[in-house]
Structure formats: C-alpha cells, structure tokens
C-alpha cells in the first residue's frame, strides 16, 4: 500500500497536464485512501478479536462496523476476513475501471482530426504549434548579400570579413519536424530572420515576377485576363532542430485548382510520414468566361538562396502530387518551387 501512494505522488506532475487523466487519478487515490483506512481498521480489530470472550466478539464487530449480516454460520473472525478481501477486490476493480476509461478516452480523442480551415485567400497551417515544445538555437546561413536591415535584426553576429558572408542568428526550433512554423514575411529584399514566406503565392509570369510584398497585398484579390501566364511560388521549411532525428520523412507536395465562377483557388499541401500537414491557398479572379490551365512540366525547384537545382527541372507540380523525399531541418535546407499556369478563354 505504501508503494502505491509513493507511485501516486510521483505521477502527479504528469497526470495534472491532462484534465480527464487528473480526474481519474483523483478518483483512484481517494478510493485507495478509503480502502486502506477500512482494511487497516479491520486488520486491527481482527488482531484483537481473539482476545475477547466469544460471546462479546459479535458485539465488538457491530460497534466497529454497524449492522453485521453474518450468514451461513460464519464466525465474526471469518466475516471480518471476508470484508478485508472484499475491500481489496473493490480497490482492484476501481483501478481496472479507471484504466479502461482512460484507454477509451485516449482512443477516441487520439483519432480526432483537425478540420481544415476554410480560406478564400490565405495561408493556413493545420497544426497547433503552441502545444509543441521548442528550444532556442543558433542557426547559421551563408548569404551572398546581407542588408543593413538583416544585420540590425540579427540576434547573433555576422562575419563580414569573407565572401560569401556568413550570418549567425538565434531562432526557436521545434522538438519535432514541422513545416513552416515561423511568422510569415512578404519581403524578399530585407527579409527578417526567423521568418517564413507564404506556403504559396502567385504573380504574373514576367522576367521579375512581383509577388505580394505586404499582408494587405497578399489578401487582396488579384486579377488576370485571357492570355496571361501565372507563376505559382511555393516555399517549404522544416523548423525542427538541426539533427537527423528531426528530418521530415517522405515529404509530398499536393497542389490543386478549384473554380467557383470566375474565382479560382490555387492550393498547396505539404505532408510527410512524421510531420503534420501544412497547407495554404490563394484565390485569383478572371473574367467569367475564362479558366486556369496548368502548363505541363513547368515546375522548378530552388534552394534557400533562390538558386536553381539543376536536376530538378521540368517537374509536374501543378494540380498533382509530387514526391520530394526527405527534408532536413534548418533554413539552409529550405526550398522554393514554381510552376506555371495560363488563363484560357472558354470556347
């Protein structure tokens, strides 16, 4: 019994983190306290019962317990032993029932999936990052050009004595693989540290495409017309700490285009074996008699500095599922993807 209470108090910090588990914990502890008290009193009475005259034993038992329905020719001592065994059984039954209840609750709540958030023109991350533990680490990224704004924003130091320049800054990192966990920035010139770009954005396909440069611009409706060619830009980053155990495994990129009248939603979802999905979408507008068509094999992959990865060209990224493979943690392994669409007039 002493070992039970020692284990119960040692488990208190763990069960207190879950309300239902804490209630079950309190029920079990209270039940065992009551049972331990009754068993102890009955054992004490049983120890001294033989010292009383036989005629006085039933009276002593009634004074301790109250009404004693001794049946079947049981002696007071035998009845007392049966009571002790009953209390032990009751404690065991309560413990089993509590374990079963917690198991059922865990099974039910563990299979609940978060409903995707509906959004007409926004980036949505389908994960609750507030419940994931993080640590603060230094991240090192080699950059060819570092602006004054980046230097001022750095929480660490910048080595500017060599080319290319090396930037060391301090960011949170998650203790699990996680897609794009940092605040979103829309600046590709004075990009603040410890930020992610939108999961997906679009722009008119020109020599220098102009993607959204502010939150207001990103959430505004962007219009395209027949003959326009659109480039979609995807960004993926793993915010886990810089260890192999936090690599996102078997990552896939799924994209889709859905239309409602002259409104067309272009969406992207990142998935992996050991990482929660993350998704984003933007909505563009055309004339009522126009639609979007993906240009086949227009996909390209770029590293975190925007350099084209030579063996990742001509990819089918639009309106399809692309198998990327594993994604290592850290900004140095972040990736950009593009694919193109064109606005077609309905015949």
Protein backbone atom coordinates (compact mmCIF):
# COMPACT_ATOMS: atom_id res chain seq x y z
CA UNK A 1 0.00 0.00 0.00
CA UNK A 2 2.89 2.35 0.78
CA UNK A 3 4.39 1.73 -2.66
CA UNK A 4 1.07 2.69 -4.24
CA UNK A 5 1.00 6.12 -2.58
CA UNK A 6 4.67 6.71 -3.40
CA UNK A 7 3.96 5.99 -7.08
CA UNK A 8 0.79 8.08 -6.99
CA UNK A 9 2.57 11.21 -5.77
CA UNK A 10 5.44 10.74 -8.25
CA UNK A 11 2.93 10.61 -11.11
CA UNK A 12 1.13 13.81 -10.09
CA UNK A 13 3.10 16.24 -12.35
CA UNK A 14 2.38 14.07 -15.40
CA UNK A 15 -1.35 13.46 -14.96
CA UNK A 16 -2.00 17.07 -13.98
CA UNK A 17 -1.31 18.09 -17.59
CA UNK A 18 -4.49 16.37 -18.83
CA UNK A 19 -7.85 17.20 -17.16
CA UNK A 20 -9.51 13.83 -17.75
CA UNK A 21 -6.47 11.89 -16.58
CA UNK A 22 -6.28 14.11 -13.49
CA UNK A 23 -9.91 13.37 -12.58
CA UNK A 24 -9.28 9.64 -12.94
CA UNK A 25 -6.16 10.00 -10.83
CA UNK A 26 -8.11 11.72 -8.02
CA UNK A 27 -10.81 9.02 -8.12
CA UNK A 28 -8.25 6.22 -7.79
CA UNK A 29 -6.32 7.92 -4.99
CA UNK A 30 -9.47 8.70 -2.96
CA UNK A 31 -10.75 5.16 -3.42
CA UNK A 32 -7.47 3.67 -2.25
CA UNK A 33 -7.29 6.03 0.74
CA UNK A 34 -10.75 4.92 1.90
CA UNK A 35 -9.98 1.26 1.24
CA UNK A 36 -6.63 1.46 3.04
CA UNK A 37 -8.30 3.05 6.05
CA UNK A 38 -11.01 0.36 6.21
CA UNK A 39 -8.55 -2.50 5.73
CA UNK A 40 -6.27 -1.14 8.44
CA UNK A 41 -9.12 -0.83 10.98
CA UNK A 42 -10.45 -4.28 10.12
CA UNK A 43 -6.98 -5.81 10.48
CA UNK A 44 -6.55 -4.16 13.88
CA UNK A 45 -9.92 -5.47 15.00
CA UNK A 46 -9.13 -8.95 13.67
CA UNK A 47 -5.81 -8.96 15.56
CA UNK A 48 -7.54 -8.28 18.89
CA UNK A 49 -10.80 -10.15 18.28
CA UNK A 50 -9.47 -13.46 19.61
CA UNK A 51 -8.66 -11.77 22.96
CA UNK A 52 -12.35 -11.09 23.62
CA UNK A 53 -14.74 -13.68 25.03
CA UNK A 54 -16.53 -15.45 22.19
CA UNK A 55 -19.90 -14.09 23.31
CA UNK A 56 -18.61 -10.49 23.05
CA UNK A 57 -17.00 -10.76 19.61
CA UNK A 58 -20.13 -10.11 17.55
CA UNK A 59 -20.97 -7.08 19.71
CA UNK A 60 -17.47 -5.66 19.19
CA UNK A 61 -17.81 -6.21 15.45
CA UNK A 62 -21.18 -4.42 15.38
CA UNK A 63 -19.76 -1.48 17.35
CA UNK A 64 -17.00 -1.09 14.74
CA UNK A 65 -18.89 -1.75 11.51
CA UNK A 66 -22.57 -1.28 12.39
CA UNK A 67 -25.09 -3.82 11.18
CA UNK A 68 -23.30 -7.15 10.61
CA UNK A 69 -25.31 -9.61 8.49
CA UNK A 70 -23.36 -12.74 9.46
CA UNK A 71 -24.82 -15.57 7.38
CA UNK A 72 -24.04 -19.17 6.61
CA UNK A 73 -22.61 -19.97 10.02
CA UNK A 74 -19.62 -17.64 9.64
CA UNK A 75 -17.81 -16.66 12.79
CA UNK A 76 -17.11 -12.94 13.44
CA UNK A 77 -13.42 -13.50 12.56
CA UNK A 78 -14.33 -15.19 9.28
CA UNK A 79 -16.76 -12.41 8.45
CA UNK A 80 -14.06 -9.81 9.15
CA UNK A 81 -11.58 -11.59 6.86
CA UNK A 82 -14.20 -11.67 4.08
CA UNK A 83 -14.68 -7.91 4.48
CA UNK A 84 -10.93 -7.32 4.10
CA UNK A 85 -10.87 -9.43 0.93
CA UNK A 86 -13.89 -7.53 -0.39
CA UNK A 87 -12.14 -4.18 0.08
CA UNK A 88 -9.05 -5.46 -1.75
CA UNK A 89 -11.22 -6.63 -4.63
CA UNK A 90 -13.09 -3.30 -4.70
CA UNK A 91 -9.83 -1.38 -4.95
CA UNK A 92 -8.62 -3.59 -7.77
CA UNK A 93 -11.95 -3.21 -9.63
CA UNK A 94 -11.83 0.61 -9.35
CA UNK A 95 -8.28 0.64 -10.66
CA UNK A 96 -9.19 -1.56 -13.65
CA UNK A 97 -12.26 0.56 -14.45
CA UNK A 98 -10.19 3.75 -14.36
CA UNK A 99 -7.52 2.31 -16.65
CA UNK A 100 -10.22 1.17 -19.09
CA UNK A 101 -11.86 4.63 -19.01
CA UNK A 102 -8.56 6.41 -19.75
CA UNK A 103 -7.84 3.97 -22.57
CA UNK A 104 -11.22 4.63 -24.19
CA UNK A 105 -10.81 8.41 -23.86
CA UNK A 106 -7.33 8.22 -25.37
CA UNK A 107 -8.51 6.09 -28.27
CA UNK A 108 -11.39 8.43 -29.07
CA UNK A 109 -9.54 11.75 -28.73
CA UNK A 110 -6.39 10.44 -30.36
CA UNK A 111 -8.20 9.73 -33.64
CA UNK A 112 -9.89 13.11 -33.91
CA UNK A 113 -8.52 15.04 -36.85
CA UNK A 114 -8.49 18.79 -37.00
CA UNK A 115 -10.92 20.11 -39.58
CA UNK A 116 -9.20 22.10 -42.32
CA UNK A 117 -9.75 25.82 -42.13
CA UNK A 118 -11.74 27.38 -44.93
CA UNK A 119 -9.98 30.31 -46.52
CA UNK A 120 -10.61 32.21 -49.72
CA UNK A 121 -7.21 33.86 -49.96
CA UNK A 122 -4.94 32.96 -47.09
CA UNK A 123 -2.19 30.74 -45.82
CA UNK A 124 -3.36 28.09 -43.38
CA UNK A 125 -1.15 25.88 -41.21
CA UNK A 126 -3.17 22.90 -39.97
CA UNK A 127 -1.24 22.34 -36.76
CA UNK A 128 -1.30 23.63 -33.21
CA UNK A 129 2.26 24.81 -32.68
CA UNK A 130 1.50 26.14 -29.19
CA UNK A 131 1.43 22.56 -27.85
CA UNK A 132 4.84 21.65 -29.29
CA UNK A 133 7.99 22.22 -27.29
CA UNK A 134 10.71 24.46 -28.66
CA UNK A 135 14.28 25.37 -27.82
CA UNK A 136 16.41 28.35 -28.81
CA UNK A 137 19.38 27.59 -31.04
CA UNK A 138 21.84 29.44 -33.27
CA UNK A 139 21.23 28.94 -36.96
CA UNK A 140 23.98 29.67 -39.47
CA UNK A 141 23.16 30.64 -43.05
CA UNK A 142 25.61 31.65 -45.77
CA UNK A 143 24.30 34.59 -47.78
CA UNK A 144 25.81 36.33 -50.77
CA UNK A 145 24.32 39.68 -49.76
CA UNK A 146 23.25 40.86 -46.32
CA UNK A 147 21.29 44.08 -45.98
CA UNK A 148 21.60 46.56 -43.12
CA UNK A 149 18.11 45.61 -42.01
CA UNK A 150 19.18 41.97 -41.68
CA UNK A 151 22.28 42.98 -39.75
CA UNK A 152 20.23 45.05 -37.32
CA UNK A 153 17.65 42.28 -36.91
CA UNK A 154 20.22 39.58 -36.16
CA UNK A 155 20.25 38.31 -32.59
CA UNK A 156 23.77 36.93 -33.04
CA UNK A 157 26.77 38.02 -35.05
CA UNK A 158 27.66 38.43 -38.71
CA UNK A 159 31.07 37.66 -40.15
CA UNK A 160 31.60 40.20 -42.92
CA UNK A 161 35.31 39.61 -43.48
CA UNK A 162 34.88 36.94 -46.12
CA UNK A 163 32.78 36.22 -49.18
CA UNK A 164 30.18 34.87 -49.20
CA UNK A 165 29.04 36.41 -45.94
CA UNK A 166 28.02 34.18 -43.06
CA UNK A 167 25.07 35.15 -40.88
CA UNK A 168 24.53 33.58 -37.45
CA UNK A 169 21.21 34.29 -35.75
CA UNK A 170 19.15 32.88 -32.90
CA UNK A 171 15.76 31.28 -33.54
CA UNK A 172 13.36 28.95 -31.86
CA UNK A 173 13.46 25.38 -33.13
CA UNK A 174 10.82 22.72 -32.61
CA UNK A 175 11.46 19.35 -30.98
CA UNK A 176 9.55 17.68 -33.81
CA UNK A 177 9.73 18.06 -37.59
CA UNK A 178 7.31 20.85 -38.53
CA UNK A 179 6.53 22.68 -41.78
CA UNK A 180 6.85 26.47 -41.96
CA UNK A 181 6.36 27.25 -38.24
CA UNK A 182 7.72 30.82 -38.22
CA UNK A 183 5.86 34.11 -38.72
CA UNK A 184 5.24 34.95 -42.38
CA UNK A 185 7.16 37.71 -44.15
CA UNK A 186 6.39 39.15 -47.56
CA UNK A 187 9.74 40.85 -48.13
CA UNK A 188 12.30 39.16 -50.36
CA UNK A 189 14.80 42.02 -50.14
CA UNK A 190 15.02 42.91 -46.45
CA UNK A 191 13.87 39.56 -45.16
CA UNK A 192 13.79 39.45 -41.34
CA UNK A 193 15.43 36.48 -39.63
CA UNK A 194 13.38 33.65 -38.13
CA UNK A 195 10.55 34.13 -40.62
CA UNK A 196 8.97 32.00 -43.33
CA UNK A 197 7.49 33.03 -46.66
CA UNK A 198 3.87 32.14 -47.51
CA UNK A 199 3.34 28.49 -48.36
CA UNK A 200 2.01 29.60 -51.74
CA UNK A 201 1.77 32.87 -53.66
CA UNK A 202 1.15 33.82 -57.29
CA UNK A 203 2.22 36.56 -59.68
CA UNK A 204 2.11 37.39 -63.37
CA UNK A 205 4.88 35.47 -65.11
CA UNK A 206 7.37 38.15 -66.11
CA UNK A 207 11.17 38.46 -66.08
CA UNK A 208 10.93 39.62 -62.46
CA UNK A 209 7.55 38.40 -61.11
CA UNK A 210 6.05 40.67 -58.49
CA UNK A 211 4.70 38.58 -55.64
CA UNK A 212 2.80 40.09 -52.71
CA UNK A 213 5.01 42.45 -50.70
CA UNK A 214 2.68 43.01 -47.76
CA UNK A 215 -0.08 41.22 -45.91
CA UNK A 216 -2.68 43.57 -47.35
CA UNK A 217 -1.49 42.88 -50.87
CA UNK A 218 -1.39 39.15 -50.23
CA UNK A 219 -5.00 39.05 -49.06
CA UNK A 220 -6.27 41.33 -51.82
CA UNK A 221 -7.93 39.93 -54.93
CA UNK A 222 -5.55 39.70 -57.88
CA UNK A 223 -6.99 39.77 -61.38
CA UNK A 224 -5.75 38.03 -64.51
CA UNK A 225 -7.06 38.02 -68.06
CA UNK A 226 -7.02 35.79 -71.13
CA UNK A 227 -3.51 35.20 -72.35
CA UNK A 228 -1.86 35.99 -69.01
CA UNK A 229 0.64 33.48 -67.75
CA UNK A 230 0.80 33.00 -63.97
CA UNK A 231 3.66 31.64 -61.90
CA UNK A 232 2.89 29.99 -58.55
CA UNK A 233 5.62 30.09 -55.91
CA UNK A 234 5.74 27.52 -53.08
CA UNK A 235 8.00 27.70 -50.03
CA UNK A 236 8.84 24.84 -47.65
CA UNK A 237 10.92 24.86 -44.46
CA UNK A 238 11.43 22.33 -41.66
CA UNK A 239 11.55 24.12 -38.29
CA UNK A 240 12.85 21.12 -36.32
CA UNK A 241 16.19 21.31 -34.50
CA UNK A 242 19.33 20.64 -36.53
CA UNK A 243 19.59 16.89 -36.00
CA UNK A 244 18.89 13.94 -38.30
CA UNK A 245 16.17 12.66 -35.96
CA UNK A 246 14.11 15.72 -36.89
CA UNK A 247 14.25 15.24 -40.66
CA UNK A 248 10.78 15.23 -42.26
CA UNK A 249 10.41 11.85 -43.95
CA UNK A 250 8.81 11.04 -47.32
CA UNK A 251 7.56 14.57 -47.94
CA UNK A 252 4.93 15.12 -50.62
CA UNK A 253 3.56 18.28 -52.20
CA UNK A 254 -0.05 18.19 -53.39
CA UNK A 255 -1.49 21.07 -55.41
CA UNK A 256 -4.98 21.68 -56.71
CA UNK A 257 -7.03 24.24 -58.60
CA UNK A 258 -10.74 24.63 -57.86
CA UNK A 259 -13.01 27.14 -59.54
CA UNK A 260 -16.24 28.81 -58.49
CA UNK A 261 -17.43 31.04 -61.28
CA UNK A 262 -14.62 33.49 -62.01
CA UNK A 263 -12.89 32.77 -58.66
CA UNK A 264 -10.07 30.20 -58.81
CA UNK A 265 -8.38 28.82 -55.70
CA UNK A 266 -4.82 27.55 -56.10
CA UNK A 267 -3.88 25.42 -53.07
CA UNK A 268 -0.82 23.53 -51.86
CA UNK A 269 -0.49 20.99 -49.05
CA UNK A 270 2.72 19.58 -47.57
CA UNK A 271 2.60 16.15 -45.95
CA UNK A 272 5.11 13.65 -44.55
CA UNK A 273 5.32 10.40 -42.60
CA UNK A 274 6.39 12.03 -39.31
CA UNK A 275 5.15 15.61 -39.66
CA UNK A 276 1.73 17.21 -39.50
CA UNK A 277 0.32 18.60 -42.77
CA UNK A 278 0.55 22.28 -43.62
CA UNK A 279 -1.47 23.93 -46.36
CA UNK A 280 -2.01 27.28 -47.96
CA UNK A 281 -4.06 28.77 -50.77
CA UNK A 282 -4.57 31.92 -52.79
CA UNK A 283 -7.58 32.93 -54.85
CA UNK A 284 -7.32 34.76 -58.14
CA UNK A 285 -10.02 36.24 -60.33
CA UNK A 286 -10.53 36.11 -64.08
CA UNK A 287 -13.33 37.09 -66.41
CA UNK A 288 -16.43 34.86 -66.16
CA UNK A 289 -15.67 33.06 -69.45
CA UNK A 290 -12.06 32.18 -68.53
CA UNK A 291 -10.33 29.39 -66.58
CA UNK A 292 -6.86 28.36 -65.43
CA UNK A 293 -4.81 25.62 -67.07
CA UNK A 294 -1.54 24.20 -65.70
CA UNK A 295 1.38 24.25 -68.11
CA UNK A 296 2.80 20.69 -68.12
CA UNK A 297 6.35 20.15 -66.83
CA UNK A 298 6.68 23.82 -65.87
CA UNK A 299 7.88 23.05 -62.35
CA UNK A 300 11.29 24.06 -60.98
CA UNK A 301 12.99 23.62 -57.59
CA UNK A 302 15.31 26.18 -55.97
CA UNK A 303 17.47 26.21 -52.84
CA UNK A 304 17.01 28.65 -49.96
CA UNK A 305 19.03 31.33 -51.80
CA UNK A 306 16.91 31.01 -54.93
CA UNK A 307 19.49 29.08 -56.94
CA UNK A 308 18.03 26.64 -59.45
CA UNK A 309 18.64 22.97 -58.55
CA UNK A 310 19.84 21.67 -61.90
CA UNK A 311 18.45 18.14 -61.71
CA UNK A 312 15.01 19.36 -60.59
CA UNK A 313 13.61 21.00 -63.71
CA UNK A 314 10.56 20.24 -65.84
CA UNK A 315 8.60 18.93 -62.85
CA UNK A 316 4.87 18.26 -62.85
CA UNK A 317 3.95 20.30 -59.78
CA UNK A 318 0.60 21.82 -60.77
CA UNK A 319 -2.66 20.03 -59.95
CA UNK A 320 -0.76 16.91 -58.92
CA UNK A 321 1.19 15.21 -56.12
CA UNK A 322 4.97 15.50 -56.18
CA UNK A 323 7.14 13.16 -54.10
CA UNK A 324 10.02 15.20 -52.70
CA UNK A 325 11.60 12.69 -50.32
CA UNK A 326 13.20 13.77 -47.02
CA UNK A 327 13.58 17.39 -45.87
CA UNK A 328 16.34 18.20 -43.39
CA UNK A 329 15.67 20.80 -40.65
CA UNK A 330 17.03 24.34 -40.82
CA UNK A 331 16.76 27.33 -43.14
CA UNK A 332 19.80 26.13 -45.08
CA UNK A 333 17.63 23.29 -46.41
CA UNK A 334 14.51 25.33 -47.14
CA UNK A 335 13.21 25.02 -50.70
CA UNK A 336 11.27 27.08 -53.23
CA UNK A 337 9.17 25.59 -56.03
CA UNK A 338 7.48 27.17 -59.01
CA UNK A 339 5.02 26.02 -61.61
CA UNK A 340 3.11 27.95 -64.24
CA UNK A 341 -0.49 28.37 -65.35
CA UNK A 342 -2.19 30.26 -68.13
CA UNK A 343 -5.56 31.93 -68.41
CA UNK A 344 -7.65 30.30 -71.14
CA UNK A 345 -10.87 31.58 -72.68
CA UNK A 346 -13.71 29.10 -72.74
CA UNK A 347 -14.87 28.13 -76.20
